[in-house]
N, C-alpha and C. Protein backbone atom coordinates (compact mmCIF):
# COMPACT_ATOMS: atom_id res chain seq x y z
N MET A 1 26.33 22.64 -8.89
CA MET A 1 25.08 21.88 -9.06
C MET A 1 24.37 23.15 -9.82
N GLU A 2 23.46 22.64 -10.85
CA GLU A 2 22.26 24.06 -11.47
C GLU A 2 21.32 24.43 -10.18
N ASP A 3 21.24 25.80 -10.18
CA ASP A 3 20.12 26.34 -9.46
C ASP A 3 19.18 25.80 -9.21
N ASN A 4 18.72 25.82 -10.53
CA ASN A 4 17.10 25.05 -10.95
C ASN A 4 16.93 23.76 -10.04
N PHE A 5 17.72 23.14 -10.12
CA PHE A 5 17.67 21.51 -9.61
C PHE A 5 17.85 21.50 -7.97
N LEU A 6 18.73 22.56 -7.75
CA LEU A 6 18.68 22.57 -5.97
C LEU A 6 17.46 23.23 -5.68
N SER A 7 17.10 24.34 -6.02
CA SER A 7 15.92 24.71 -5.92
C SER A 7 14.59 24.25 -6.01
N SER A 8 14.58 23.20 -6.61
CA SER A 8 13.58 22.21 -7.16
C SER A 8 13.56 21.56 -5.53
N MET A 9 14.80 20.61 -5.41
CA MET A 9 15.15 19.92 -4.75
C MET A 9 14.48 20.32 -3.02
N GLY A 10 15.01 21.80 -3.23
CA GLY A 10 15.04 22.33 -1.46
C GLY A 10 13.01 22.05 -1.47
N LYS A 11 12.35 22.95 -2.28
CA LYS A 11 10.87 23.14 -2.16
C LYS A 11 10.55 21.69 -1.91
N ARG A 12 10.54 20.43 -3.02
CA ARG A 12 10.11 19.28 -2.05
C ARG A 12 10.43 18.79 -0.75
N ILE A 13 11.68 19.07 -0.20
CA ILE A 13 12.21 19.31 1.42
C ILE A 13 11.25 20.09 2.36
N PHE A 14 11.30 21.33 2.11
CA PHE A 14 10.31 22.33 2.58
C PHE A 14 9.11 21.72 2.18
N GLU A 15 8.47 21.12 1.58
CA GLU A 15 6.62 21.17 1.34
C GLU A 15 6.89 19.58 2.31
N LEU A 16 7.51 18.38 2.18
CA LEU A 16 7.49 17.11 2.95
C LEU A 16 7.69 17.61 4.36
N ARG A 17 8.92 18.36 4.61
CA ARG A 17 9.02 18.33 6.13
C ARG A 17 7.79 19.57 7.15
N LYS A 18 7.01 20.21 6.12
CA LYS A 18 5.94 20.97 6.29
C LYS A 18 4.73 19.50 6.66
N GLU A 19 4.72 18.85 6.00
CA GLU A 19 3.61 17.97 5.88
C GLU A 19 3.94 17.14 7.07
N PHE A 20 4.89 16.74 7.35
CA PHE A 20 5.42 15.80 8.89
C PHE A 20 5.22 17.08 9.85
N ARG A 21 5.17 18.38 9.71
CA ARG A 21 4.76 18.97 10.47
C ARG A 21 6.51 19.34 11.61
N PHE A 22 7.64 19.19 10.95
CA PHE A 22 8.69 18.98 11.55
C PHE A 22 8.93 20.48 11.25
N SER A 23 10.04 21.19 12.47
CA SER A 23 10.71 22.21 12.19
C SER A 23 12.06 22.27 11.51
N GLN A 24 12.66 22.86 11.26
CA GLN A 24 14.19 22.92 10.53
C GLN A 24 14.98 22.07 11.67
N GLU A 25 14.51 22.35 12.65
CA GLU A 25 15.84 22.08 13.92
C GLU A 25 15.12 20.56 14.19
N GLU A 26 14.20 19.92 14.18
CA GLU A 26 13.81 18.72 14.37
C GLU A 26 14.31 17.88 13.28
N LEU A 27 14.20 18.58 12.01
CA LEU A 27 14.49 17.34 10.46
C LEU A 27 15.75 17.44 10.27
N ALA A 28 16.59 18.66 11.39
CA ALA A 28 18.21 18.49 11.38
C ALA A 28 18.40 17.66 12.02
N GLU A 29 18.08 17.21 13.66
CA GLU A 29 18.02 16.27 14.61
C GLU A 29 18.01 15.04 13.99
N LYS A 30 16.96 14.73 13.35
CA LYS A 30 16.64 13.63 12.79
C LYS A 30 17.59 12.70 11.65
N THR A 31 18.45 13.72 11.18
CA THR A 31 19.03 13.73 9.89
C THR A 31 20.58 13.88 10.66
N ASP A 32 21.10 13.74 11.37
CA ASP A 32 22.28 14.59 11.78
C ASP A 32 23.04 15.23 11.18
N THR A 33 22.33 16.29 10.89
CA THR A 33 22.45 17.87 10.47
C THR A 33 22.79 18.91 11.28
N THR A 34 23.07 20.08 10.52
CA THR A 34 22.18 21.33 11.06
C THR A 34 21.27 21.98 10.53
N LYS A 35 20.38 22.80 11.33
CA LYS A 35 19.28 23.55 11.04
C LYS A 35 19.99 24.95 9.90
N GLN A 36 21.01 25.45 9.92
CA GLN A 36 21.25 26.03 8.87
C GLN A 36 21.39 25.12 7.37
N THR A 37 22.21 24.24 7.60
CA THR A 37 22.19 23.00 6.22
C THR A 37 20.61 22.55 6.05
N ILE A 38 19.81 22.32 6.72
CA ILE A 38 18.32 22.48 6.21
C ILE A 38 17.60 23.56 5.82
N ALA A 39 18.06 24.59 6.34
CA ALA A 39 17.48 25.90 5.86
C ALA A 39 18.48 26.38 4.33
N ARG A 40 19.54 26.37 4.18
CA ARG A 40 20.18 26.42 3.05
C ARG A 40 19.92 25.64 1.94
N ALA A 41 19.35 24.11 2.21
CA ALA A 41 19.09 23.01 1.28
C ALA A 41 17.77 23.27 1.10
N GLU A 42 16.55 23.85 1.57
CA GLU A 42 15.35 24.25 1.23
C GLU A 42 15.21 25.87 0.33
N LYS A 43 15.99 26.18 0.50
CA LYS A 43 16.11 27.69 0.06
C LYS A 43 17.04 27.46 -1.52
N GLY A 44 17.67 26.14 -1.89
CA GLY A 44 18.58 25.94 -3.09
C GLY A 44 20.11 26.54 -2.91
N LEU A 45 20.00 26.47 -1.85
CA LEU A 45 21.62 27.47 -1.89
C LEU A 45 22.68 26.63 -1.45
N GLN A 46 22.50 24.99 -1.31
CA GLN A 46 23.45 24.36 -0.24
C GLN A 46 23.11 22.72 -1.09
N GLU A 47 24.32 22.36 -1.64
CA GLU A 47 24.14 21.04 -2.24
C GLU A 47 24.21 19.89 -1.06
N LEU A 48 23.84 19.25 -1.59
CA LEU A 48 23.53 18.37 -0.43
C LEU A 48 24.44 16.76 -0.48
N SER A 49 25.51 15.87 0.57
CA SER A 49 25.94 14.98 0.00
C SER A 49 24.95 13.81 0.14
N ALA A 50 25.67 12.41 -0.70
CA ALA A 50 24.38 11.88 -0.78
C ALA A 50 23.79 10.89 0.54
N GLY A 51 24.75 11.08 1.67
CA GLY A 51 24.68 10.70 2.70
C GLY A 51 22.92 11.29 3.39
N LYS A 52 23.44 12.59 3.06
CA LYS A 52 22.27 13.73 3.66
C LYS A 52 20.76 13.27 2.81
N ILE A 53 21.07 13.31 1.64
CA ILE A 53 20.19 13.13 0.83
C ILE A 53 18.98 12.09 1.36
N ILE A 54 20.00 10.66 1.32
CA ILE A 54 19.26 9.22 1.54
C ILE A 54 18.88 9.53 3.31
N SER A 55 19.37 10.39 4.00
CA SER A 55 18.95 10.41 5.76
C SER A 55 18.01 10.93 5.39
N ILE A 56 17.66 12.59 4.76
CA ILE A 56 16.39 13.28 4.46
C ILE A 56 15.30 12.26 3.75
N ALA A 57 15.40 11.47 2.64
CA ALA A 57 14.77 10.91 2.44
C ALA A 57 14.10 9.86 3.58
N ASN A 58 14.57 9.15 3.82
CA ASN A 58 14.40 8.01 4.77
C ASN A 58 13.31 9.03 6.10
N VAL A 59 13.72 9.90 6.79
CA VAL A 59 12.88 10.55 7.78
C VAL A 59 11.73 10.89 7.14
N LEU A 60 11.79 11.50 5.49
CA LEU A 60 10.15 11.98 5.15
C LEU A 60 9.40 10.97 4.36
N GLY A 61 9.92 9.91 4.18
CA GLY A 61 9.28 8.95 3.81
C GLY A 61 9.39 8.98 2.83
N VAL A 62 10.35 9.03 1.56
CA VAL A 62 10.46 9.08 0.43
C VAL A 62 11.18 9.11 -0.40
N SER A 63 11.14 8.25 -1.28
CA SER A 63 12.87 7.78 -2.04
C SER A 63 13.71 8.67 -2.52
N THR A 64 15.55 8.74 -2.98
CA THR A 64 15.86 9.92 -3.13
C THR A 64 15.44 10.05 -4.39
N ASP A 65 14.56 9.19 -5.88
CA ASP A 65 14.57 9.60 -6.58
C ASP A 65 13.44 11.03 -6.62
N TYR A 66 12.75 10.84 -5.80
CA TYR A 66 11.37 11.90 -5.52
C TYR A 66 12.41 12.88 -5.06
N LEU A 67 13.42 12.90 -4.15
CA LEU A 67 14.02 14.44 -3.84
C LEU A 67 14.48 14.89 -4.70
N LEU A 68 15.49 14.13 -5.24
CA LEU A 68 16.19 14.55 -6.48
C LEU A 68 15.89 14.82 -7.67
N LYS A 69 14.82 14.19 -8.06
CA LYS A 69 14.23 14.29 -9.24
C LYS A 69 12.21 15.19 -9.28
N GLY A 70 11.45 14.81 -8.54
CA GLY A 70 10.43 14.90 -7.89
C GLY A 70 9.44 14.14 -8.81
N GLU A 71 10.30 12.62 -9.30
CA GLU A 71 9.32 11.30 -9.93
C GLU A 71 9.09 10.46 -8.77
N ARG A 72 7.77 10.33 -8.37
CA ARG A 72 7.70 8.99 -7.70
C ARG A 72 7.63 7.38 -8.22
N ILE A 73 8.58 6.79 -7.66
CA ILE A 73 8.82 5.36 -8.29
C ILE A 73 7.96 4.50 -7.21
N ASP A 74 7.80 3.49 -7.66
CA ASP A 74 7.20 2.03 -6.57
C ASP A 74 7.76 1.86 -5.48
N SER A 75 9.12 2.64 -5.15
CA SER A 75 9.40 2.50 -3.20
C SER A 75 8.54 3.67 -2.83
N ASP A 76 7.99 4.73 -3.59
CA ASP A 76 7.58 5.61 -3.04
C ASP A 76 6.37 4.98 -2.59
N GLN A 77 5.70 4.54 -3.50
CA GLN A 77 3.99 3.29 -3.07
C GLN A 77 4.21 2.61 -2.01
N MET A 78 5.48 1.64 -1.92
CA MET A 78 5.77 0.66 -0.75
C MET A 78 6.10 1.48 0.63
N ILE A 79 6.85 2.87 0.61
CA ILE A 79 6.95 3.58 1.93
C ILE A 79 5.05 4.07 1.91
N LEU A 80 4.15 4.41 1.68
CA LEU A 80 3.00 5.11 1.47
C LEU A 80 2.41 4.01 2.17
N ASP A 81 2.06 2.96 1.41
CA ASP A 81 1.53 1.39 1.35
C ASP A 81 1.51 1.39 3.05
N LYS A 82 3.25 1.22 3.48
CA LYS A 82 3.58 0.93 4.93
C LYS A 82 2.92 1.66 6.23
N ARG A 83 2.86 2.93 5.43
CA ARG A 83 2.54 4.28 6.48
C ARG A 83 0.89 3.22 7.15
N ILE A 84 0.28 3.84 5.59
CA ILE A 84 -1.42 3.19 5.75
C ILE A 84 -1.55 2.64 6.38
N ARG A 85 -1.05 1.05 6.56
CA ARG A 85 -1.18 -0.28 7.20
C ARG A 85 -1.02 -0.06 8.26
N ASN A 86 -0.27 1.29 9.23
CA ASN A 86 -0.27 1.26 10.50
C ASN A 86 -0.96 2.18 11.14
N LEU A 87 -1.85 2.64 10.12
CA LEU A 87 -3.24 3.18 10.56
C LEU A 87 -4.39 2.31 11.53
N ASP A 88 -4.88 2.98 12.54
CA ASP A 88 -5.94 2.12 12.92
C ASP A 88 -6.83 1.70 12.06
N ASN A 89 -8.12 1.48 12.62
CA ASN A 89 -9.28 0.96 12.05
C ASN A 89 -10.28 2.69 11.44
N ASP A 90 -10.13 3.11 12.80
CA ASP A 90 -11.04 4.01 12.49
C ASP A 90 -10.19 5.70 11.44
N ASP A 91 -8.77 5.34 11.47
CA ASP A 91 -7.85 6.44 11.07
C ASP A 91 -7.78 6.20 9.29
N TYR A 92 -7.80 4.56 9.01
CA TYR A 92 -7.74 4.12 7.60
C TYR A 92 -9.09 4.29 7.07
N ASN A 93 -10.10 4.14 7.58
CA ASN A 93 -11.30 4.41 7.14
C ASN A 93 -11.61 5.87 6.87
N PHE A 94 -11.20 6.87 7.81
CA PHE A 94 -11.42 8.10 7.75
C PHE A 94 -10.69 8.53 6.24
N LEU A 95 -8.88 8.05 6.47
CA LEU A 95 -8.38 7.82 4.98
C LEU A 95 -8.85 7.74 3.56
N ALA A 96 -9.76 6.41 3.67
CA ALA A 96 -10.11 5.96 2.68
C ALA A 96 -11.26 6.48 2.02
N ASP A 97 -12.11 7.33 2.95
CA ASP A 97 -13.14 7.64 2.41
C ASP A 97 -12.78 9.07 1.86
N THR A 98 -11.72 10.08 2.39
CA THR A 98 -11.45 10.93 2.01
C THR A 98 -10.46 10.84 0.51
N VAL A 99 -9.58 9.66 0.33
CA VAL A 99 -9.51 9.36 -0.88
C VAL A 99 -10.19 9.31 -2.30
N ASN A 100 -11.35 8.52 -1.25
CA ASN A 100 -12.60 8.28 -2.37
C ASN A 100 -12.93 9.70 -2.53
N ARG A 101 -13.54 10.46 -1.92
CA ARG A 101 -14.15 11.49 -2.29
C ARG A 101 -13.34 12.58 -3.42
N PHE A 102 -11.77 12.24 -2.87
CA PHE A 102 -10.78 13.03 -3.87
C PHE A 102 -10.95 12.53 -5.40
N ILE A 103 -11.43 11.54 -5.28
CA ILE A 103 -11.03 10.53 -6.59
C ILE A 103 -12.30 10.70 -7.74
N ASP A 104 -13.28 10.76 -6.84
CA ASP A 104 -14.55 11.05 -7.18
C ASP A 104 -15.00 12.40 -7.88
N LEU A 105 -13.85 12.99 -6.95
CA LEU A 105 -13.97 15.19 -7.69
C LEU A 105 -13.10 15.41 -8.74
N TYR A 106 -11.88 14.38 -8.68
CA TYR A 106 -11.05 14.32 -9.71
C TYR A 106 -11.45 14.17 -10.86
N GLU A 107 -12.30 12.78 -10.90
CA GLU A 107 -12.92 12.30 -11.88
C GLU A 107 -14.27 13.32 -12.82
N LYS A 108 -14.93 13.76 -12.09
CA LYS A 108 -15.60 14.65 -12.52
C LYS A 108 -14.98 16.03 -12.73
N LYS A 109 -13.78 16.19 -12.22
CA LYS A 109 -13.82 17.70 -12.90
C LYS A 109 -12.94 17.28 -14.42
N HIS A 110 -12.32 16.28 -13.99
CA HIS A 110 -11.54 15.85 -15.84
C HIS A 110 -12.44 15.06 -16.62
N ASN A 111 -14.02 14.41 -16.06
CA ASN A 111 -14.91 14.29 -17.10
C ASN A 111 -14.32 12.59 -17.43
N ILE A 112 -14.00 11.92 -16.34
CA ILE A 112 -13.04 10.45 -16.08
C ILE A 112 -14.16 9.64 -16.04
N LYS A 113 -14.53 8.32 -16.28
CA LYS A 113 -15.29 7.52 -16.06
C LYS A 113 -15.11 5.94 -16.63
């Protein structure tokens, strides 16, 4: 496989793992693999089987398309929607306020309205 492809996918795995605050050991355990496999995949040094890619995507709450190509698809939105729906009211309100502030700043920065 192309080095750039592997390193790009590895970077996405690394970033998502950090967002979830998983260690490499924790992600390996949750995906029935080894810490070494996760470490080598994150560095773009190891190809992953289709089964491992699916397992990692499921644990990290993204589609395989996002892991493989970096492209968000409808299922990514559905995964995010499901996670948001599981928040209690206070956390949901905090998230909504944060997102609205971010969008306001983004629109101001890019002169969008």
